[in-house]
N, C-alpha and C. Protein backbone atom coordinates (compact mmCIF):
# COMPACT_ATOMS: atom_id res chain seq x y z
N MET A 1 0.96 -1.27 -0.05
CA MET A 1 0.03 0.03 0.12
C MET A 1 0.70 1.34 -0.08
N ALA A 2 0.59 2.28 -0.59
CA ALA A 2 1.29 3.64 -1.00
C ALA A 2 1.44 4.21 0.51
N LYS A 3 2.44 5.01 0.59
CA LYS A 3 2.43 5.76 1.94
C LYS A 3 2.42 7.14 1.48
N ASP A 4 1.11 7.29 1.45
CA ASP A 4 0.70 9.06 0.84
C ASP A 4 0.66 9.72 2.26
N PHE A 5 0.50 9.54 3.42
CA PHE A 5 0.01 10.43 4.54
C PHE A 5 1.25 10.55 5.32
N LEU A 6 1.34 11.87 5.98
CA LEU A 6 2.42 12.27 6.81
C LEU A 6 2.14 11.30 8.37
N GLN A 7 3.15 11.10 8.81
CA GLN A 7 3.31 9.96 9.94
C GLN A 7 3.08 11.04 11.26
N ILE A 8 2.07 10.75 12.34
CA ILE A 8 2.26 11.48 13.24
C ILE A 8 3.04 10.64 14.33
N PRO A 9 3.55 11.54 15.25
CA PRO A 9 3.79 12.84 15.30
C PRO A 9 4.91 13.34 14.04
N LEU A 10 4.45 14.43 13.64
CA LEU A 10 5.35 14.97 12.74
C LEU A 10 6.83 15.58 13.31
N GLN A 11 7.65 15.21 12.17
CA GLN A 11 9.44 15.61 12.94
C GLN A 11 9.69 17.07 12.29
N ALA A 12 9.16 17.95 12.97
CA ALA A 12 9.63 19.32 12.43
C ALA A 12 10.87 19.48 12.03
N GLY A 13 11.94 18.72 12.93
CA GLY A 13 13.36 18.84 12.46
C GLY A 13 13.76 18.46 11.33
N LEU A 14 12.97 17.62 10.82
CA LEU A 14 13.24 17.10 9.24
C LEU A 14 13.03 18.00 8.45
N VAL A 15 12.28 18.94 8.60
CA VAL A 15 11.79 20.04 7.69
C VAL A 15 12.83 20.93 7.86
N THR A 16 13.28 21.53 9.04
CA THR A 16 14.37 22.56 9.01
C THR A 16 15.76 22.15 8.26
N ARG A 17 15.89 20.79 8.41
CA ARG A 17 17.15 20.33 7.69
C ARG A 17 16.70 19.73 6.40
N GLN A 18 15.60 20.29 5.60
CA GLN A 18 15.34 20.16 4.36
C GLN A 18 15.33 18.74 4.03
N LYS A 19 14.91 17.88 4.89
CA LYS A 19 14.70 16.44 4.88
C LYS A 19 13.13 16.03 4.45
N GLU A 20 12.83 14.82 3.79
CA GLU A 20 11.64 14.63 3.66
C GLU A 20 10.75 13.91 5.23
N LEU A 21 9.72 14.42 5.36
CA LEU A 21 8.95 14.01 6.32
C LEU A 21 8.63 12.45 6.16
N LYS A 22 8.46 11.50 7.26
CA LYS A 22 8.17 10.25 7.35
C LYS A 22 6.79 10.28 6.86
N ARG A 23 6.42 9.33 6.02
CA ARG A 23 5.30 9.00 5.42
C ARG A 23 4.49 7.75 6.05
N SER A 24 3.17 7.38 6.12
CA SER A 24 2.60 6.17 6.31
C SER A 24 1.25 5.93 5.54
N THR A 25 0.87 4.55 5.44
CA THR A 25 -0.27 4.00 4.65
C THR A 25 -1.47 4.82 5.23
N LEU A 26 -2.69 4.38 4.62
CA LEU A 26 -3.97 4.82 5.02
C LEU A 26 -4.09 4.27 6.24
N THR A 27 -4.08 3.15 6.49
CA THR A 27 -4.35 2.40 7.71
C THR A 27 -3.59 2.77 8.79
N GLU A 28 -2.29 3.14 8.59
CA GLU A 28 -1.36 3.70 9.73
C GLU A 28 -2.00 5.12 10.06
N SER A 29 -2.25 5.73 9.11
CA SER A 29 -2.89 7.20 9.34
C SER A 29 -3.90 7.35 10.36
N VAL A 30 -4.85 6.39 9.90
CA VAL A 30 -6.11 6.27 10.48
C VAL A 30 -5.86 6.07 12.10
N ALA A 31 -4.95 5.15 12.24
CA ALA A 31 -4.63 4.45 13.48
C ALA A 31 -3.90 5.55 14.25
N ASP A 32 -3.18 6.50 13.72
CA ASP A 32 -2.52 7.40 14.21
C ASP A 32 -3.27 8.67 14.84
N MET A 33 -4.35 8.79 13.91
CA MET A 33 -5.40 10.16 13.94
C MET A 33 -6.23 9.65 15.41
N ILE A 34 -6.62 8.13 15.40
CA ILE A 34 -7.41 7.91 16.37
C ILE A 34 -6.80 7.60 17.74
N ARG A 35 -5.24 7.27 17.73
CA ARG A 35 -4.42 7.42 19.08
C ARG A 35 -4.62 9.01 19.49
N LEU A 36 -4.29 9.96 18.71
CA LEU A 36 -4.32 11.07 18.87
C LEU A 36 -5.65 11.73 19.60
N ILE A 37 -6.96 11.33 18.94
CA ILE A 37 -7.78 11.46 19.54
C ILE A 37 -8.10 10.82 21.26
N THR A 38 -7.53 9.44 21.42
CA THR A 38 -7.68 8.81 22.54
C THR A 38 -6.72 9.56 23.70
N ILE A 39 -6.01 10.24 23.28
CA ILE A 39 -4.76 10.42 24.30
C ILE A 39 -5.13 12.33 24.48
N THR A 40 -6.02 12.83 23.78
CA THR A 40 -6.13 14.20 23.77
C THR A 40 -7.18 14.43 24.82
N HIS A 41 -7.37 15.36 25.59
CA HIS A 41 -8.43 15.98 26.51
C HIS A 41 -9.23 16.90 25.83
N PHE A 42 -10.30 17.01 26.11
CA PHE A 42 -11.30 18.31 25.63
C PHE A 42 -10.52 19.61 25.97
N GLY A 43 -10.28 20.54 25.05
CA GLY A 43 -9.73 21.79 25.17
C GLY A 43 -8.18 21.81 25.08
N GLU A 44 -7.57 20.75 24.81
CA GLU A 44 -6.10 20.67 24.84
C GLU A 44 -5.93 21.30 23.49
N ASN A 45 -6.60 21.13 22.48
CA ASN A 45 -6.45 21.81 21.08
C ASN A 45 -7.24 22.95 21.03
N LYS A 46 -6.54 24.14 21.00
CA LYS A 46 -6.98 25.26 21.21
C LYS A 46 -8.03 25.50 19.82
N GLN A 47 -7.79 25.26 18.83
CA GLN A 47 -8.24 25.39 17.52
C GLN A 47 -9.69 24.82 17.37
N ASP A 48 -9.80 23.69 18.13
CA ASP A 48 -10.92 22.80 18.12
C ASP A 48 -11.20 22.26 19.77
N GLU A 49 -11.88 22.82 20.40
CA GLU A 49 -11.76 22.20 21.69
C GLU A 49 -12.67 21.23 21.73
N SER A 50 -13.64 20.63 20.79
CA SER A 50 -14.23 19.48 20.81
C SER A 50 -13.33 18.23 20.52
N PHE A 51 -12.10 18.59 20.28
CA PHE A 51 -11.24 17.41 19.77
C PHE A 51 -10.78 16.93 21.09
N GLY A 52 -10.66 15.39 21.05
CA GLY A 52 -10.45 14.78 22.49
C GLY A 52 -11.60 13.73 22.83
N ASN A 53 -11.34 13.38 23.88
CA ASN A 53 -12.72 12.51 24.36
C ASN A 53 -12.74 12.61 26.08
N GLU A 54 -13.77 11.83 26.66
CA GLU A 54 -14.13 12.04 27.94
C GLU A 54 -13.32 11.31 28.76
N LEU A 55 -12.41 10.38 28.32
CA LEU A 55 -11.61 9.55 29.20
C LEU A 55 -10.77 10.36 30.28
N TRP A 56 -10.26 11.51 29.75
CA TRP A 56 -9.26 12.28 30.41
C TRP A 56 -9.84 13.35 31.23
N GLU A 57 -11.09 13.11 31.55
CA GLU A 57 -11.95 14.12 32.43
C GLU A 57 -11.99 13.21 33.68
N ASN A 58 -11.69 12.11 33.87
CA ASN A 58 -11.99 11.20 34.91
C ASN A 58 -10.56 10.53 35.35
N ASP A 59 -9.30 11.41 34.83
CA ASP A 59 -8.10 10.83 35.22
C ASP A 59 -7.89 10.23 36.64
N PHE A 60 -8.32 11.05 37.78
CA PHE A 60 -8.11 10.67 39.16
C PHE A 60 -9.42 10.52 39.97
N GLU A 61 -10.37 10.41 39.18
CA GLU A 61 -11.75 10.10 39.63
C GLU A 61 -11.80 8.98 40.25
N THR A 62 -12.99 8.78 41.26
CA THR A 62 -13.23 7.39 41.71
C THR A 62 -14.38 7.20 40.83
N ILE A 63 -14.54 6.05 40.14
CA ILE A 63 -15.79 5.55 39.36
C ILE A 63 -16.26 4.67 40.10
N ASP A 64 -17.85 5.43 40.42
CA ASP A 64 -18.80 4.72 41.38
C ASP A 64 -19.40 3.54 40.64
N ASN A 65 -19.87 3.93 39.27
CA ASN A 65 -20.63 2.80 38.40
C ASN A 65 -19.53 2.53 37.04
N VAL A 66 -19.06 1.51 37.01
CA VAL A 66 -18.22 1.33 36.10
C VAL A 66 -19.19 1.04 34.64
N GLN A 67 -20.47 0.68 34.59
CA GLN A 67 -20.76 0.19 33.58
C GLN A 67 -21.37 1.68 32.79
N VAL A 68 -21.86 2.73 33.57
CA VAL A 68 -22.05 4.18 33.20
C VAL A 68 -20.90 4.67 32.70
N PHE A 69 -19.84 4.67 33.50
CA PHE A 69 -18.81 5.27 32.62
C PHE A 69 -18.15 4.93 31.54
N LYS A 70 -18.17 3.26 31.27
CA LYS A 70 -17.83 2.50 29.91
C LYS A 70 -18.77 3.48 29.00
N GLU A 71 -20.15 3.35 29.14
CA GLU A 71 -20.92 3.73 28.29
C GLU A 71 -20.81 5.28 27.86
N LYS A 72 -20.65 6.32 28.81
CA LYS A 72 -20.30 7.67 28.42
C LYS A 72 -18.81 7.68 27.58
N LEU A 73 -17.83 6.80 27.94
CA LEU A 73 -16.57 6.89 27.30
C LEU A 73 -16.86 6.19 25.99
N ALA A 74 -17.60 5.21 25.56
CA ALA A 74 -17.70 4.65 24.36
C ALA A 74 -18.47 5.50 23.68
N GLU A 75 -19.61 6.30 24.09
CA GLU A 75 -20.20 7.46 23.51
C GLU A 75 -19.37 8.57 23.11
N SER A 76 -18.61 8.76 23.91
CA SER A 76 -17.69 10.16 23.49
C SER A 76 -16.78 9.82 22.51
N LEU A 77 -16.25 8.46 22.70
CA LEU A 77 -14.98 8.01 21.54
C LEU A 77 -15.91 7.94 20.06
N GLN A 78 -17.03 7.55 20.14
CA GLN A 78 -18.04 7.12 18.91
C GLN A 78 -17.94 8.53 18.39
N ILE A 79 -18.68 9.49 19.34
CA ILE A 79 -18.61 10.91 18.67
C ILE A 79 -17.43 11.75 18.21
N ALA A 80 -16.32 11.48 19.00
CA ALA A 80 -15.01 12.16 18.43
C ALA A 80 -14.48 11.31 17.30
N VAL A 81 -14.32 10.10 17.12
CA VAL A 81 -13.90 9.41 15.96
C VAL A 81 -14.76 9.73 14.88
N THR A 82 -16.07 9.71 14.97
CA THR A 82 -17.05 10.09 13.81
C THR A 82 -16.77 11.48 13.32
N GLN A 83 -16.59 12.61 14.18
CA GLN A 83 -16.57 13.86 13.96
C GLN A 83 -14.89 14.05 13.27
N HIS A 84 -14.10 13.48 13.89
CA HIS A 84 -12.75 13.86 13.46
C HIS A 84 -12.13 12.80 12.66
N GLU A 85 -12.23 11.72 12.37
CA GLU A 85 -11.85 10.84 11.46
C GLU A 85 -12.69 10.47 10.42
N ARG A 86 -13.00 11.11 9.22
CA ARG A 86 -13.86 10.93 8.33
C ARG A 86 -13.51 9.65 7.20
N ARG A 87 -12.37 9.29 7.48
CA ARG A 87 -12.04 8.31 6.59
C ARG A 87 -12.56 6.79 6.86
N LEU A 88 -13.20 6.96 7.97
CA LEU A 88 -13.83 5.69 8.48
C LEU A 88 -15.39 5.78 8.38
N SER A 89 -16.06 4.63 8.21
CA SER A 89 -17.54 4.44 8.29
C SER A 89 -17.76 3.35 9.27
N GLY A 90 -19.18 3.43 9.55
CA GLY A 90 -19.47 2.38 10.04
C GLY A 90 -18.65 2.07 11.48
N ILE A 91 -18.51 3.18 12.10
CA ILE A 91 -17.71 3.15 13.37
C ILE A 91 -18.35 2.69 14.46
N LYS A 92 -17.67 1.37 15.39
CA LYS A 92 -18.20 0.77 16.38
C LYS A 92 -16.84 0.99 17.46
N VAL A 93 -17.26 1.42 18.87
CA VAL A 93 -16.61 1.28 19.91
C VAL A 93 -16.98 0.71 20.91
N ASN A 94 -15.75 -0.28 21.52
CA ASN A 94 -16.23 -1.15 22.35
C ASN A 94 -15.23 -0.82 23.70
N VAL A 95 -15.58 -0.63 24.81
CA VAL A 95 -14.90 -0.34 26.12
C VAL A 95 -14.89 -1.27 27.33
N GLY A 96 -13.99 -1.91 27.61
CA GLY A 96 -13.81 -2.98 28.39
C GLY A 96 -12.92 -2.33 29.74
N PHE A 97 -13.41 -2.83 30.92
CA PHE A 97 -12.59 -2.54 31.99
C PHE A 97 -12.28 -3.82 32.67
N GLU A 98 -11.01 -3.93 33.31
CA GLU A 98 -10.33 -5.25 34.00
C GLU A 98 -9.38 -4.49 35.13
N GLN A 99 -9.64 -5.08 36.13
CA GLN A 99 -8.60 -5.04 37.19
C GLN A 99 -7.48 -5.78 37.16
N VAL A 100 -6.32 -5.18 37.01
CA VAL A 100 -4.76 -6.28 37.07
C VAL A 100 -3.98 -5.69 38.06
N MET A 101 -2.96 -6.60 38.30
CA MET A 101 -1.93 -6.14 39.29
C MET A 101 -0.40 -5.90 38.44
N THR A 102 -0.30 -4.53 38.68
CA THR A 102 0.89 -3.90 37.91
C THR A 102 1.94 -4.16 38.86
N THR A 103 3.32 -4.41 38.22
CA THR A 103 4.37 -4.62 39.11
C THR A 103 5.24 -3.19 38.86
N VAL A 104 4.79 -2.32 37.79
CA VAL A 104 5.29 -0.90 37.69
C VAL A 104 5.38 -0.14 38.78
N TYR A 105 4.21 -0.01 39.60
CA TYR A 105 4.26 0.74 40.88
C TYR A 105 3.84 0.05 42.08
N ASN A 106 4.82 -0.97 42.46
CA ASN A 106 4.87 -1.66 43.65
C ASN A 106 3.52 -2.57 43.75
N ARG A 107 3.27 -3.19 42.53
CA ARG A 107 2.49 -4.16 42.49
C ARG A 107 1.02 -3.68 43.24
N ARG A 108 0.56 -2.48 42.43
CA ARG A 108 -0.71 -2.10 42.64
C ARG A 108 -1.85 -2.85 41.84
N VAL A 109 -3.01 -2.73 42.30
CA VAL A 109 -4.20 -3.25 41.60
C VAL A 109 -4.61 -1.96 41.00
N ARG A 110 -4.80 -1.94 39.54
CA ARG A 110 -5.12 -0.84 38.78
C ARG A 110 -6.39 -1.21 37.72
N GLN A 111 -7.07 -0.31 37.50
CA GLN A 111 -8.11 -0.53 36.20
C GLN A 111 -7.43 -0.50 35.12
N ARG A 112 -7.61 -1.53 34.16
CA ARG A 112 -7.14 -1.31 32.90
C ARG A 112 -8.13 -1.36 31.90
N ILE A 113 -8.16 -0.29 31.02
CA ILE A 113 -9.28 -0.08 29.99
C ILE A 113 -8.90 -0.51 28.61
N GLN A 114 -9.51 -1.16 28.16
CA GLN A 114 -9.18 -1.68 26.83
C GLN A 114 -10.20 -1.55 25.64
N ILE A 115 -10.01 -0.39 24.87
CA ILE A 115 -10.75 0.37 23.82
C ILE A 115 -10.31 -0.29 22.68
N THR A 116 -11.40 -0.73 21.88
CA THR A 116 -11.57 -1.26 20.57
C THR A 116 -12.28 -0.42 19.54
N ILE A 117 -11.64 0.07 18.36
CA ILE A 117 -12.75 0.86 17.38
C ILE A 117 -12.53 0.19 16.16
N GLU A 118 -13.72 -0.31 15.60
CA GLU A 118 -13.66 -0.97 14.25
C GLU A 118 -14.27 -0.10 13.29
N GLY A 119 -14.22 -0.18 12.23
CA GLY A 119 -14.83 0.56 11.12
C GLY A 119 -14.47 0.11 9.68
N THR A 120 -14.87 0.69 8.76
CA THR A 120 -14.39 0.53 7.43
C THR A 120 -13.72 1.59 6.75
N LEU A 121 -12.59 1.35 6.22
CA LEU A 121 -12.07 2.43 5.55
C LEU A 121 -12.67 2.92 4.10
N ARG A 122 -13.23 4.11 4.04
CA ARG A 122 -13.97 4.45 3.00
C ARG A 122 -13.51 4.23 1.78
N LYS A 123 -12.00 4.42 1.56
CA LYS A 123 -11.44 4.76 0.26
C LYS A 123 -11.13 3.12 -0.50
N THR A 124 -10.95 2.32 0.65
CA THR A 124 -10.58 0.82 0.17
C THR A 124 -11.48 -0.04 0.52
N ASN A 125 -12.65 0.12 1.33
CA ASN A 125 -13.64 -0.78 1.88
C ASN A 125 -13.07 -1.90 2.56
N GLU A 126 -12.04 -1.33 3.07
CA GLU A 126 -11.34 -2.72 4.03
C GLU A 126 -11.54 -2.53 5.40
N PRO A 127 -11.58 -3.60 6.13
CA PRO A 127 -12.18 -3.48 7.53
C PRO A 127 -10.99 -2.95 8.39
N PHE A 128 -11.41 -2.07 9.42
CA PHE A 128 -10.05 -1.52 9.94
C PHE A 128 -10.60 -1.77 11.65
N THR A 129 -9.42 -2.03 12.36
CA THR A 129 -9.57 -2.47 13.98
C THR A 129 -8.33 -1.77 14.51
N LEU A 130 -8.50 -0.95 15.91
CA LEU A 130 -7.70 -0.57 16.47
C LEU A 130 -7.88 -0.85 17.96
N ASN A 131 -6.86 -1.54 18.68
CA ASN A 131 -6.99 -1.76 20.00
C ASN A 131 -6.24 -0.88 20.80
N GLU A 132 -6.65 -0.08 22.08
CA GLU A 132 -5.58 0.75 22.74
C GLU A 132 -5.96 0.09 24.14
N VAL A 133 -4.93 0.52 24.82
CA VAL A 133 -5.08 -0.04 26.48
C VAL A 133 -4.39 1.30 27.38
N PHE A 134 -5.31 1.57 28.40
CA PHE A 134 -4.80 2.73 29.07
C PHE A 134 -5.21 2.02 30.55
N PHE A 135 -4.53 2.71 31.78
CA PHE A 135 -4.50 2.41 33.05
C PHE A 135 -5.10 3.30 33.70
N MET A 136 -6.11 3.37 34.71
CA MET A 136 -6.66 4.44 35.30
C MET A 136 -5.82 4.46 36.79
N GLY A 137 -5.92 5.85 37.06
CA GLY A 137 -5.52 6.25 38.67
C GLY A 137 -4.19 6.07 39.07
N PRO A 138 -3.22 6.73 38.34
CA PRO A 138 -3.52 7.91 37.50
C PRO A 138 -3.47 7.09 36.23
N LEU A 139 -4.38 7.75 35.47
CA LEU A 139 -4.55 7.23 33.86
C LEU A 139 -3.29 7.33 33.39
N SER A 140 -2.86 6.25 32.65
CA SER A 140 -1.69 6.49 31.85
C SER A 140 -1.67 5.53 30.69
N TYR A 141 -1.06 5.97 29.42
CA TYR A 141 -1.15 5.41 28.06
C TYR A 141 -0.33 4.17 28.23
N TYR A 142 -0.52 2.95 27.80
CA TYR A 142 0.24 1.61 27.81
C TYR A 142 0.77 1.44 26.42
């Protein structure tokens, strides 16, 4: 597949050295954009304060009702991906929670969030799936 898209994150240093920016395929570019949406909180992008998702609004919060939180997060991601990644159609978001023991921080029990985003690439009609994992409290990208 052709590498027609700029790779995220952009490496501005290559431009100043008059080198070509790194490129990615359509699938890689869509995955990069969705990752950017998932790691951005509302208001972080000053040009579009709707860019981002609900996940980061709850970084240090105690989640009383996991099911309600999962539904709100899935809905937030559904809206964000539909609005900001128009190269996908038929977008479905699934959010799962699991308690895990982490050895990174002295063997603490933490909530792991598994996010799966599926859809179809409009240009090629190929199926697309992206899996992301985050840990809650404090929330961290894995």
